[in-house]
Amino acid sequence: MDYKVIKSEVEYEEVIKNNLGVLLYFSKISCNVGEALEPKVIKLLENNFPKIPFYFVDMDKTPTIPVKYSVFVEPTIIVVFDGKETIRKSRIISIGDLSNAIERIYKLAFE
């Protein structure tokens, strides 16, 4: 899976606008929890939800994006379907719970 980094608010808006479904991963490079969780989330998407792209938002390099979208905890995952935020998980994130939440919407959107 391609690892994509969002570098501006304009790019963030374009990603949401141009994808039916997208997972936005907010964290900092220095966040140990975020670093440990990130490969698990990427693997989940690759194995179970291949039509959902993964985008990383570095909260240090683009601080206006998290503020604009009320992301104050790291890591935070936002899943957007059809331009609307449908799932938001923060800090302690269960891969099983995330998978179950995505699965329901994924089936409606892509199958």
PDB file of N, CA and C in Angstrom:
ATOM      1  N   MET A   1       0.854  -1.178   0.000  1.00  0.00           N
ATOM      2  CA  MET A   1       0.000   0.000   0.000  1.00  0.00           C
ATOM      3  C   MET A   1       0.894   1.234   0.000  1.00  0.00           C
ATOM      4  N   ASP A   2       0.517   2.204  -0.792  1.00  0.00           N
ATOM      5  CA  ASP A   2       1.258   3.450  -0.837  1.00  0.00           C
ATOM      6  C   ASP A   2       1.048   4.223   0.450  1.00  0.00           C
ATOM      7  N   TYR A   3       2.129   4.783   0.944  1.00  0.00           N
ATOM      8  CA  TYR A   3       2.088   5.615   2.138  1.00  0.00           C
ATOM      9  C   TYR A   3       2.045   7.057   1.662  1.00  0.00           C
ATOM     10  N   LYS A   4       0.948   7.744   1.948  1.00  0.00           N
ATOM     11  CA  LYS A   4       0.788   9.113   1.483  1.00  0.00           C
ATOM     12  C   LYS A   4       0.736  10.055   2.677  1.00  0.00           C
ATOM     13  N   VAL A   5       1.423  11.178   2.545  1.00  0.00           N
ATOM     14  CA  VAL A   5       1.465  12.176   3.599  1.00  0.00           C
ATOM     15  C   VAL A   5       0.762  13.430   3.107  1.00  0.00           C
ATOM     16  N   ILE A   6      -0.169  13.927   3.901  1.00  0.00           N
ATOM     17  CA  ILE A   6      -0.873  15.166   3.557  1.00  0.00           C
ATOM     18  C   ILE A   6      -0.038  16.332   4.075  1.00  0.00           C
ATOM     19  N   LYS A   7       0.216  17.296   3.179  1.00  0.00           N
ATOM     20  CA  LYS A   7       1.128  18.393   3.514  1.00  0.00           C
ATOM     21  C   LYS A   7       0.454  19.750   3.606  1.00  0.00           C
ATOM     22  N   SER A   8      -0.849  19.824   3.316  1.00  0.00           N
ATOM     23  CA  SER A   8      -1.530  21.121   3.388  1.00  0.00           C
ATOM     24  C   SER A   8      -3.031  20.918   3.568  1.00  0.00           C
ATOM     25  N   GLU A   9      -3.702  21.985   3.997  1.00  0.00           N
ATOM     26  CA  GLU A   9      -5.162  21.930   4.133  1.00  0.00           C
ATOM     27  C   GLU A   9      -5.836  21.712   2.785  1.00  0.00           C
ATOM     28  N   VAL A  10      -5.289  22.317   1.741  1.00  0.00           N
ATOM     29  CA  VAL A  10      -5.849  22.152   0.391  1.00  0.00           C
ATOM     30  C   VAL A  10      -5.767  20.689  -0.026  1.00  0.00           C
ATOM     31  N   GLU A  11      -4.623  20.066   0.218  1.00  0.00           N
ATOM     32  CA  GLU A  11      -4.453  18.654  -0.121  1.00  0.00           C
ATOM     33  C   GLU A  11      -5.412  17.787   0.691  1.00  0.00           C
ATOM     34  N   TYR A  12      -5.594  18.109   1.964  1.00  0.00           N
ATOM     35  CA  TYR A  12      -6.529  17.384   2.830  1.00  0.00           C
ATOM     36  C   TYR A  12      -7.939  17.417   2.238  1.00  0.00           C
ATOM     37  N   GLU A  13      -8.376  18.608   1.855  1.00  0.00           N
ATOM     38  CA  GLU A  13      -9.714  18.770   1.272  1.00  0.00           C
ATOM     39  C   GLU A  13      -9.837  17.986  -0.038  1.00  0.00           C
ATOM     40  N   GLU A  14      -8.791  17.999  -0.858  1.00  0.00           N
ATOM     41  CA  GLU A  14      -8.807  17.276  -2.132  1.00  0.00           C
ATOM     42  C   GLU A  14      -8.901  15.766  -1.921  1.00  0.00           C
ATOM     43  N   VAL A  15      -8.171  15.262  -0.935  1.00  0.00           N
ATOM     44  CA  VAL A  15      -8.197  13.829  -0.628  1.00  0.00           C
ATOM     45  C   VAL A  15      -9.613  13.403  -0.268  1.00  0.00           C
ATOM     46  N   ILE A  16     -10.263  14.172   0.583  1.00  0.00           N
ATOM     47  CA  ILE A  16     -11.630  13.847   0.997  1.00  0.00           C
ATOM     48  C   ILE A  16     -12.587  13.938  -0.182  1.00  0.00           C
ATOM     49  N   LYS A  17     -12.418  14.946  -0.993  1.00  0.00           N
ATOM     50  CA  LYS A  17     -13.308  15.179  -2.134  1.00  0.00           C
ATOM     51  C   LYS A  17     -13.147  14.110  -3.221  1.00  0.00           C
ATOM     52  N   ASN A  18     -11.922  13.621  -3.424  1.00  0.00           N
ATOM     53  CA  ASN A  18     -11.632  12.738  -4.554  1.00  0.00           C
ATOM     54  C   ASN A  18     -11.643  11.244  -4.222  1.00  0.00           C
ATOM     55  N   ASN A  19     -11.970  10.874  -3.001  1.00  0.00           N
ATOM     56  CA  ASN A  19     -12.010   9.464  -2.618  1.00  0.00           C
ATOM     57  C   ASN A  19     -13.361   9.129  -2.008  1.00  0.00           C
ATOM     58  N   LEU A  20     -13.948   8.019  -2.440  1.00  0.00           N
ATOM     59  CA  LEU A  20     -15.214   7.584  -1.850  1.00  0.00           C
ATOM     60  C   LEU A  20     -15.012   7.257  -0.373  1.00  0.00           C
ATOM     61  N   GLY A  21     -13.906   6.595  -0.065  1.00  0.00           N
ATOM     62  CA  GLY A  21     -13.562   6.286   1.313  1.00  0.00           C
ATOM     63  C   GLY A  21     -12.086   6.555   1.525  1.00  0.00           C
ATOM     64  N   VAL A  22     -11.722   7.044   2.696  1.00  0.00           N
ATOM     65  CA  VAL A  22     -10.323   7.338   3.004  1.00  0.00           C
ATOM     66  C   VAL A  22     -10.097   7.251   4.512  1.00  0.00           C
ATOM     67  N   LEU A  23      -8.918   6.746   4.908  1.00  0.00           N
ATOM     68  CA  LEU A  23      -8.549   6.712   6.312  1.00  0.00           C
ATOM     69  C   LEU A  23      -7.452   7.745   6.521  1.00  0.00           C
ATOM     70  N   LEU A  24      -7.681   8.643   7.460  1.00  0.00           N
ATOM     71  CA  LEU A  24      -6.737   9.709   7.795  1.00  0.00           C
ATOM     72  C   LEU A  24      -6.143   9.400   9.159  1.00  0.00           C
ATOM     73  N   TYR A  25      -4.829   9.282   9.201  1.00  0.00           N
ATOM     74  CA  TYR A  25      -4.120   8.883  10.416  1.00  0.00           C
ATOM     75  C   TYR A  25      -3.337  10.078  10.939  1.00  0.00           C
ATOM     76  N   PHE A  26      -3.789  10.645  12.045  1.00  0.00           N
ATOM     77  CA  PHE A  26      -3.155  11.812  12.654  1.00  0.00           C
ATOM     78  C   PHE A  26      -2.216  11.352  13.760  1.00  0.00           C
ATOM     79  N   SER A  27      -0.955  11.752  13.666  1.00  0.00           N
ATOM     80  CA  SER A  27       0.002  11.422  14.710  1.00  0.00           C
ATOM     81  C   SER A  27       1.216  12.332  14.569  1.00  0.00           C
ATOM     82  N   LYS A  28       2.172  12.125  15.460  1.00  0.00           N
ATOM     83  CA  LYS A  28       3.450  12.819  15.396  1.00  0.00           C
ATOM     84  C   LYS A  28       4.522  11.754  15.221  1.00  0.00           C
ATOM     85  N   ILE A  29       5.582  12.111  14.563  1.00  0.00           N
ATOM     86  CA  ILE A  29       6.675  11.159  14.358  1.00  0.00           C
ATOM     87  C   ILE A  29       7.208  10.657  15.706  1.00  0.00           C
ATOM     88  N   SER A  30       7.147  11.489  16.727  1.00  0.00           N
ATOM     89  CA  SER A  30       7.686  11.136  18.046  1.00  0.00           C
ATOM     90  C   SER A  30       6.708  10.353  18.923  1.00  0.00           C
ATOM     91  N   CYS A  31       5.523  10.044  18.420  1.00  0.00           N
ATOM     92  CA  CYS A  31       4.508   9.345  19.227  1.00  0.00           C
ATOM     93  C   CYS A  31       4.739   7.835  19.170  1.00  0.00           C
ATOM     94  N   ASN A  32       5.144   7.238  20.296  1.00  0.00           N
ATOM     95  CA  ASN A  32       5.417   5.799  20.324  1.00  0.00           C
ATOM     96  C   ASN A  32       4.173   4.964  20.062  1.00  0.00           C
ATOM     97  N   VAL A  33       3.043   5.370  20.620  1.00  0.00           N
ATOM     98  CA  VAL A  33       1.791   4.642  20.394  1.00  0.00           C
ATOM     99  C   VAL A  33       1.425   4.715  18.914  1.00  0.00           C
ATOM    100  N   GLY A  34       1.536   5.888  18.343  1.00  0.00           N
ATOM    101  CA  GLY A  34       1.222   6.076  16.929  1.00  0.00           C
ATOM    102  C   GLY A  34       2.126   5.260  16.028  1.00  0.00           C
ATOM    103  N   GLU A  35       3.419   5.226  16.355  1.00  0.00           N
ATOM    104  CA  GLU A  35       4.372   4.456  15.554  1.00  0.00           C
ATOM    105  C   GLU A  35       4.085   2.964  15.626  1.00  0.00           C
ATOM    106  N   ALA A  36       3.652   2.471  16.767  1.00  0.00           N
ATOM    107  CA  ALA A  36       3.348   1.048  16.929  1.00  0.00           C
ATOM    108  C   ALA A  36       2.041   0.670  16.234  1.00  0.00           C
ATOM    109  N   LEU A  37       1.079   1.563  16.257  1.00  0.00           N
ATOM    110  CA  LEU A  37      -0.239   1.272  15.689  1.00  0.00           C
ATOM    111  C   LEU A  37      -0.280   1.406  14.166  1.00  0.00           C
ATOM    112  N   GLU A  38       0.470   2.352  13.643  1.00  0.00           N
ATOM    113  CA  GLU A  38       0.412   2.661  12.206  1.00  0.00           C
ATOM    114  C   GLU A  38       0.581   1.449  11.290  1.00  0.00           C
ATOM    115  N   PRO A  39       1.611   0.603  11.455  1.00  0.00           N
ATOM    116  CA  PRO A  39       1.735  -0.554  10.551  1.00  0.00           C
ATOM    117  C   PRO A  39       0.571  -1.535  10.661  1.00  0.00           C
ATOM    118  N   LYS A  40      -0.031  -1.624  11.843  1.00  0.00           N
ATOM    119  CA  LYS A  40      -1.186  -2.505  12.022  1.00  0.00           C
ATOM    120  C   LYS A  40      -2.396  -1.982  11.249  1.00  0.00           C
ATOM    121  N   VAL A  41      -2.575  -0.677  11.244  1.00  0.00           N
ATOM    122  CA  VAL A  41      -3.687  -0.066  10.504  1.00  0.00           C
ATOM    123  C   VAL A  41      -3.470  -0.231   9.010  1.00  0.00           C
ATOM    124  N   ILE A  42      -2.245  -0.017   8.556  1.00  0.00           N
ATOM    125  CA  ILE A  42      -1.932  -0.195   7.129  1.00  0.00           C
ATOM    126  C   ILE A  42      -2.189  -1.635   6.713  1.00  0.00           C
ATOM    127  N   LYS A  43      -1.758  -2.593   7.525  1.00  0.00           N
ATOM    128  CA  LYS A  43      -1.972  -4.011   7.217  1.00  0.00           C
ATOM    129  C   LYS A  43      -3.466  -4.348   7.179  1.00  0.00           C
ATOM    130  N   LEU A  44      -4.235  -3.783   8.113  1.00  0.00           N
ATOM    131  CA  LEU A  44      -5.684  -3.993   8.132  1.00  0.00           C
ATOM    132  C   LEU A  44      -6.303  -3.531   6.816  1.00  0.00           C
ATOM    133  N   LEU A  45      -5.921  -2.351   6.360  1.00  0.00           N
ATOM    134  CA  LEU A  45      -6.466  -1.834   5.100  1.00  0.00           C
ATOM    135  C   LEU A  45      -6.037  -2.708   3.923  1.00  0.00           C
ATOM    136  N   GLU A  46      -4.766  -3.070   3.873  1.00  0.00           N
ATOM    137  CA  GLU A  46      -4.269  -3.900   2.772  1.00  0.00           C
ATOM    138  C   GLU A  46      -5.008  -5.234   2.695  1.00  0.00           C
ATOM    139  N   ASN A  47      -5.203  -5.860   3.841  1.00  0.00           N
ATOM    140  CA  ASN A  47      -5.798  -7.202   3.871  1.00  0.00           C
ATOM    141  C   ASN A  47      -7.320  -7.207   3.782  1.00  0.00           C
ATOM    142  N   ASN A  48      -7.982  -6.228   4.377  1.00  0.00           N
ATOM    143  CA  ASN A  48      -9.442  -6.281   4.479  1.00  0.00           C
ATOM    144  C   ASN A  48     -10.178  -5.198   3.701  1.00  0.00           C
ATOM    145  N   PHE A  49      -9.544  -4.057   3.524  1.00  0.00           N
ATOM    146  CA  PHE A  49     -10.234  -2.915   2.910  1.00  0.00           C
ATOM    147  C   PHE A  49      -9.337  -2.240   1.866  1.00  0.00           C
ATOM    148  N   PRO A  50      -8.994  -2.973   0.816  1.00  0.00           N
ATOM    149  CA  PRO A  50      -8.002  -2.459  -0.147  1.00  0.00           C
ATOM    150  C   PRO A  50      -8.445  -1.220  -0.935  1.00  0.00           C
ATOM    151  N   LYS A  51      -9.706  -0.915  -0.932  1.00  0.00           N
ATOM    152  CA  LYS A  51     -10.179   0.255  -1.682  1.00  0.00           C
ATOM    153  C   LYS A  51     -10.110   1.550  -0.874  1.00  0.00           C
ATOM    154  N   ILE A  52      -9.686   1.439   0.376  1.00  0.00           N
ATOM    155  CA  ILE A  52      -9.562   2.628   1.220  1.00  0.00           C
ATOM    156  C   ILE A  52      -8.087   3.014   1.302  1.00  0.00           C
ATOM    157  N   PRO A  53      -7.726   4.188   0.794  1.00  0.00           N
ATOM    158  CA  PRO A  53      -6.329   4.630   0.911  1.00  0.00           C
ATOM    159  C   PRO A  53      -6.011   5.153   2.310  1.00  0.00           C
ATOM    160  N   PHE A  54      -4.750   5.032   2.687  1.00  0.00           N
ATOM    161  CA  PHE A  54      -4.228   5.481   3.982  1.00  0.00           C
ATOM    162  C   PHE A  54      -3.481   6.791   3.767  1.00  0.00           C
ATOM    163  N   TYR A  55      -3.816   7.802   4.553  1.00  0.00           N
ATOM    164  CA  TYR A  55      -3.111   9.082   4.505  1.00  0.00           C
ATOM    165  C   TYR A  55      -2.654   9.452   5.905  1.00  0.00           C
ATOM    166  N   PHE A  56      -1.398   9.864   5.996  1.00  0.00           N
ATOM    167  CA  PHE A  56      -0.807  10.273   7.264  1.00  0.00           C
ATOM    168  C   PHE A  56      -0.823  11.796   7.357  1.00  0.00           C
ATOM    169  N   VAL A  57      -1.263  12.307   8.501  1.00  0.00           N
ATOM    170  CA  VAL A  57      -1.210  13.746   8.770  1.00  0.00           C
ATOM    171  C   VAL A  57      -0.257  13.936   9.948  1.00  0.00           C
ATOM    172  N   ASP A  58       0.899  14.536   9.678  1.00  0.00           N
ATOM    173  CA  ASP A  58       1.889  14.802  10.716  1.00  0.00           C
ATOM    174  C   ASP A  58       1.452  16.045  11.482  1.00  0.00           C
ATOM    175  N   MET A  59       1.090  15.845  12.735  1.00  0.00           N
ATOM    176  CA  MET A  59       0.549  16.929  13.546  1.00  0.00           C
ATOM    177  C   MET A  59       1.588  18.007  13.859  1.00  0.00           C
ATOM    178  N   ASP A  60       2.863  17.668  13.748  1.00  0.00           N
ATOM    179  CA  ASP A  60       3.920  18.657  13.972  1.00  0.00           C
ATOM    180  C   ASP A  60       4.139  19.532  12.738  1.00  0.00           C
ATOM    181  N   LYS A  61       4.124  18.910  11.575  1.00  0.00           N
ATOM    182  CA  LYS A  61       4.439  19.640  10.338  1.00  0.00           C
ATOM    183  C   LYS A  61       3.253  20.405   9.763  1.00  0.00           C
ATOM    184  N   THR A  62       2.050  19.953  10.060  1.00  0.00           N
ATOM    185  CA  THR A  62       0.841  20.632   9.563  1.00  0.00           C
ATOM    186  C   THR A  62      -0.122  20.866  10.716  1.00  0.00           C
ATOM    187  N   PRO A  63       0.233  21.713  11.661  1.00  0.00           N
ATOM    188  CA  PRO A  63      -0.584  21.878  12.875  1.00  0.00           C
ATOM    189  C   PRO A  63      -1.959  22.505  12.632  1.00  0.00           C
ATOM    190  N   THR A  64      -2.160  23.189  11.524  1.00  0.00           N
ATOM    191  CA  THR A  64      -3.464  23.802  11.284  1.00  0.00           C
ATOM    192  C   THR A  64      -4.530  22.775  10.924  1.00  0.00           C
ATOM    193  N   ILE A  65      -4.127  21.660  10.327  1.00  0.00           N
ATOM    194  CA  ILE A  65      -5.116  20.637   9.936  1.00  0.00           C
ATOM    195  C   ILE A  65      -5.760  19.994  11.161  1.00  0.00           C
ATOM    196  N   PRO A  66      -4.975  19.480  12.120  1.00  0.00           N
ATOM    197  CA  PRO A  66      -5.620  18.905  13.313  1.00  0.00           C
ATOM    198  C   PRO A  66      -6.499  19.899  14.061  1.00  0.00           C
ATOM    199  N   VAL A  67      -6.060  21.133  14.158  1.00  0.00           N
ATOM    200  CA  VAL A  67      -6.850  22.146  14.865  1.00  0.00           C
ATOM    201  C   VAL A  67      -8.176  22.377  14.144  1.00  0.00           C
ATOM    202  N   LYS A  68      -8.114  22.510  12.830  1.00  0.00           N
ATOM    203  CA  LYS A  68      -9.331  22.766  12.045  1.00  0.00           C
ATOM    204  C   LYS A  68     -10.343  21.625  12.169  1.00  0.00           C
ATOM    205  N   TYR A  69      -9.853  20.385  12.320  1.00  0.00           N
ATOM    206  CA  TYR A  69     -10.749  19.231  12.378  1.00  0.00           C
ATOM    207  C   TYR A  69     -10.854  18.648  13.789  1.00  0.00           C
ATOM    208  N   SER A  70     -10.518  19.457  14.794  1.00  0.00           N
ATOM    209  CA  SER A  70     -10.678  19.093  16.210  1.00  0.00           C
ATOM    210  C   SER A  70      -9.971  17.800  16.583  1.00  0.00           C
ATOM    211  N   VAL A  71      -8.751  17.648  16.122  1.00  0.00           N
ATOM    212  CA  VAL A  71      -7.927  16.502  16.494  1.00  0.00           C
ATOM    213  C   VAL A  71      -6.861  17.014  17.460  1.00  0.00           C
ATOM    214  N   PHE A  72      -7.000  16.633  18.729  1.00  0.00           N
ATOM    215  CA  PHE A  72      -6.087  17.126  19.751  1.00  0.00           C
ATOM    216  C   PHE A  72      -5.342  16.000  20.458  1.00  0.00           C
ATOM    217  N   VAL A  73      -5.652  14.761  20.115  1.00  0.00           N
ATOM    218  CA  VAL A  73      -5.043  13.595  20.741  1.00  0.00           C
ATOM    219  C   VAL A  73      -4.346  12.785  19.658  1.00  0.00           C
ATOM    220  N   GLU A  74      -3.205  12.230  20.015  1.00  0.00           N
ATOM    221  CA  GLU A  74      -2.501  11.395  19.057  1.00  0.00           C
ATOM    222  C   GLU A  74      -2.382   9.976  19.586  1.00  0.00           C
ATOM    223  N   PRO A  75      -2.471   8.976  18.788  1.00  0.00           N
ATOM    224  CA  PRO A  75      -2.936   9.040  17.409  1.00  0.00           C
ATOM    225  C   PRO A  75      -4.462   9.160  17.348  1.00  0.00           C
ATOM    226  N   THR A  76      -4.943   9.724  16.265  1.00  0.00           N
ATOM    227  CA  THR A  76      -6.369   9.773  15.970  1.00  0.00           C
ATOM    228  C   THR A  76      -6.567   9.267  14.549  1.00  0.00           C
ATOM    229  N   ILE A  77      -7.571   8.425  14.382  1.00  0.00           N
ATOM    230  CA  ILE A  77      -7.937   7.918  13.063  1.00  0.00           C
ATOM    231  C   ILE A  77      -9.312   8.470  12.723  1.00  0.00           C
ATOM    232  N   ILE A  78      -9.406   9.051  11.545  1.00  0.00           N
ATOM    233  CA  ILE A  78     -10.694   9.498  11.021  1.00  0.00           C
ATOM    234  C   ILE A  78     -10.920   8.763   9.710  1.00  0.00           C
ATOM    235  N   VAL A  79     -12.076   8.122   9.597  1.00  0.00           N
ATOM    236  CA  VAL A  79     -12.449   7.466   8.348  1.00  0.00           C
ATOM    237  C   VAL A  79     -13.583   8.272   7.743  1.00  0.00           C
ATOM    238  N   VAL A  80     -13.383   8.657   6.499  1.00  0.00           N
ATOM    239  CA  VAL A  80     -14.357   9.482   5.784  1.00  0.00           C
ATOM    240  C   VAL A  80     -14.927   8.666   4.633  1.00  0.00           C
ATOM    241  N   PHE A  81     -16.240   8.625   4.544  1.00  0.00           N
ATOM    242  CA  PHE A  81     -16.924   8.008   3.411  1.00  0.00           C
ATOM    243  C   PHE A  81     -17.816   9.054   2.771  1.00  0.00           C
ATOM    244  N   ASP A  82     -17.722   9.153   1.473  1.00  0.00           N
ATOM    245  CA  ASP A  82     -18.554  10.073   0.691  1.00  0.00           C
ATOM    246  C   ASP A  82     -18.500  11.502   1.241  1.00  0.00           C
ATOM    247  N   GLY A  83     -17.286  11.915   1.630  1.00  0.00           N
ATOM    248  CA  GLY A  83     -17.087  13.279   2.092  1.00  0.00           C
ATOM    249  C   GLY A  83     -17.495  13.562   3.523  1.00  0.00           C
ATOM    250  N   LYS A  84     -17.964  12.536   4.242  1.00  0.00           N
ATOM    251  CA  LYS A  84     -18.435  12.745   5.611  1.00  0.00           C
ATOM    252  C   LYS A  84     -17.642  11.883   6.592  1.00  0.00           C
ATOM    253  N   GLU A  85     -17.265  12.485   7.706  1.00  0.00           N
ATOM    254  CA  GLU A  85     -16.590  11.720   8.742  1.00  0.00           C
ATOM    255  C   GLU A  85     -17.574  10.705   9.306  1.00  0.00           C
ATOM    256  N   THR A  86     -17.196   9.429   9.263  1.00  0.00           N
ATOM    257  CA  THR A  86     -18.092   8.389   9.754  1.00  0.00           C
ATOM    258  C   THR A  86     -17.523   7.640  10.954  1.00  0.00           C
ATOM    259  N   ILE A  87     -16.201   7.650  11.093  1.00  0.00           N
ATOM    260  CA  ILE A  87     -15.559   6.958  12.217  1.00  0.00           C
ATOM    261  C   ILE A  87     -14.443   7.853  12.737  1.00  0.00           C
ATOM    262  N   ARG A  88     -14.353   7.949  14.066  1.00  0.00           N
ATOM    263  CA  ARG A  88     -13.246   8.663  14.706  1.00  0.00           C
ATOM    264  C   ARG A  88     -12.825   7.847  15.920  1.00  0.00           C
ATOM    265  N   LYS A  89     -11.563   7.493  15.963  1.00  0.00           N
ATOM    266  CA  LYS A  89     -10.993   6.742  17.086  1.00  0.00           C
ATOM    267  C   LYS A  89      -9.720   7.454  17.522  1.00  0.00           C
ATOM    268  N   SER A  90      -9.508   7.530  18.832  1.00  0.00           N
ATOM    269  CA  SER A  90      -8.335   8.216  19.353  1.00  0.00           C
ATOM    270  C   SER A  90      -7.659   7.437  20.471  1.00  0.00           C
ATOM    271  N   ARG A  91      -6.355   7.712  20.606  1.00  0.00           N
ATOM    272  CA  ARG A  91      -5.479   7.227  21.666  1.00  0.00           C
ATOM    273  C   ARG A  91      -5.391   5.701  21.717  1.00  0.00           C
ATOM    274  N   ILE A  92      -6.232   5.048  22.503  1.00  0.00           N
ATOM    275  CA  ILE A  92      -6.210   3.592  22.628  1.00  0.00           C
ATOM    276  C   ILE A  92      -7.181   3.034  21.585  1.00  0.00           C
ATOM    277  N   ILE A  93      -6.627   2.475  20.520  1.00  0.00           N
ATOM    278  CA  ILE A  93      -7.449   2.045  19.390  1.00  0.00           C
ATOM    279  C   ILE A  93      -7.312   0.543  19.207  1.00  0.00           C
ATOM    280  N   SER A  94      -8.439  -0.143  19.250  1.00  0.00           N
ATOM    281  CA  SER A  94      -8.473  -1.585  19.016  1.00  0.00           C
ATOM    282  C   SER A  94      -8.608  -1.842  17.517  1.00  0.00           C
ATOM    283  N   ILE A  95      -7.692  -2.635  16.972  1.00  0.00           N
ATOM    284  CA  ILE A  95      -7.749  -2.962  15.546  1.00  0.00           C
ATOM    285  C   ILE A  95      -9.034  -3.721  15.234  1.00  0.00           C
ATOM    286  N   GLY A  96      -9.462  -4.589  16.135  1.00  0.00           N
ATOM    287  CA  GLY A  96     -10.708  -5.338  15.933  1.00  0.00           C
ATOM    288  C   GLY A  96     -11.918  -4.428  15.873  1.00  0.00           C
ATOM    289  N   ASP A  97     -11.995  -3.470  16.799  1.00  0.00           N
ATOM    290  CA  ASP A  97     -13.105  -2.513  16.792  1.00  0.00           C
ATOM    291  C   ASP A  97     -13.080  -1.635  15.544  1.00  0.00           C
ATOM    292  N   LEU A  98     -11.889  -1.202  15.163  1.00  0.00           N
ATOM    293  CA  LEU A  98     -11.754  -0.388  13.958  1.00  0.00           C
ATOM    294  C   LEU A  98     -12.193  -1.177  12.729  1.00  0.00           C
ATOM    295  N   SER A  99     -11.783  -2.427  12.647  1.00  0.00           N
ATOM    296  CA  SER A  99     -12.160  -3.285  11.525  1.00  0.00           C
ATOM    297  C   SER A  99     -13.671  -3.462  11.445  1.00  0.00           C
ATOM    298  N   ASN A 100     -14.302  -3.731  12.575  1.00  0.00           N
ATOM    299  CA  ASN A 100     -15.761  -3.901  12.593  1.00  0.00           C
ATOM    300  C   ASN A 100     -16.488  -2.633  12.170  1.00  0.00           C
ATOM    301  N   ALA A 101     -16.004  -1.499  12.622  1.00  0.00           N
ATOM    302  CA  ALA A 101     -16.639  -0.223  12.272  1.00  0.00           C
ATOM    303  C   ALA A 101     -16.507   0.061  10.779  1.00  0.00           C
ATOM    304  N   ILE A 102     -15.326  -0.199  10.227  1.00  0.00           N
ATOM    305  CA  ILE A 102     -15.110   0.057   8.792  1.00  0.00           C
ATOM    306  C   ILE A 102     -15.896  -0.933   7.943  1.00  0.00           C
ATOM    307  N   GLU A 103     -15.955  -2.178   8.360  1.00  0.00           N
ATOM    308  CA  GLU A 103     -16.564  -3.238   7.558  1.00  0.00           C
ATOM    309  C   GLU A 103     -18.007  -2.933   7.170  1.00  0.00           C
ATOM    310  N   ARG A 104     -18.796  -2.469   8.104  1.00  0.00           N
ATOM    311  CA  ARG A 104     -20.212  -2.188   7.808  1.00  0.00           C
ATOM    312  C   ARG A 104     -20.344  -1.155   6.689  1.00  0.00           C
ATOM    313  N   ILE A 105     -19.610  -0.064   6.814  1.00  0.00           N
ATOM    314  CA  ILE A 105     -19.712   1.019   5.837  1.00  0.00           C
ATOM    315  C   ILE A 105     -19.041   0.606   4.532  1.00  0.00           C
ATOM    316  N   TYR A 106     -17.937  -0.111   4.607  1.00  0.00           N
ATOM    317  CA  TYR A 106     -17.182  -0.549   3.426  1.00  0.00           C
ATOM    318  C   TYR A 106     -18.089  -1.393   2.516  1.00  0.00           C
ATOM    319  N   LYS A 107     -18.822  -2.309   3.113  1.00  0.00           N
ATOM    320  CA  LYS A 107     -19.719  -3.171   2.322  1.00  0.00           C
ATOM    321  C   LYS A 107     -20.784  -2.344   1.611  1.00  0.00           C
ATOM    322  N   LEU A 108     -21.341  -1.365   2.278  1.00  0.00           N
ATOM    323  CA  LEU A 108     -22.340  -0.507   1.644  1.00  0.00           C
ATOM    324  C   LEU A 108     -21.750   0.327   0.522  1.00  0.00           C
ATOM    325  N   ALA A 109     -20.548   0.820   0.733  1.00  0.00           N
ATOM    326  CA  ALA A 109     -19.933   1.743  -0.243  1.00  0.00           C
ATOM    327  C   ALA A 109     -19.330   1.024  -1.443  1.00  0.00           C
ATOM    328  N   PHE A 110     -18.705  -0.130  -1.228  1.00  0.00           N
ATOM    329  CA  PHE A 110     -17.923  -0.747  -2.290  1.00  0.00           C
ATOM    330  C   PHE A 110     -18.464  -2.067  -2.822  1.00  0.00           C
ATOM    331  N   GLU A 111     -19.470  -2.649  -2.166  1.00  0.00           N
ATOM    332  CA  GLU A 111     -19.958  -3.949  -2.642  1.00  0.00           C
ATOM    333  C   GLU A 111     -21.387  -3.880  -3.113  1.00  0.00           C
TER     334      GLU A 111
END
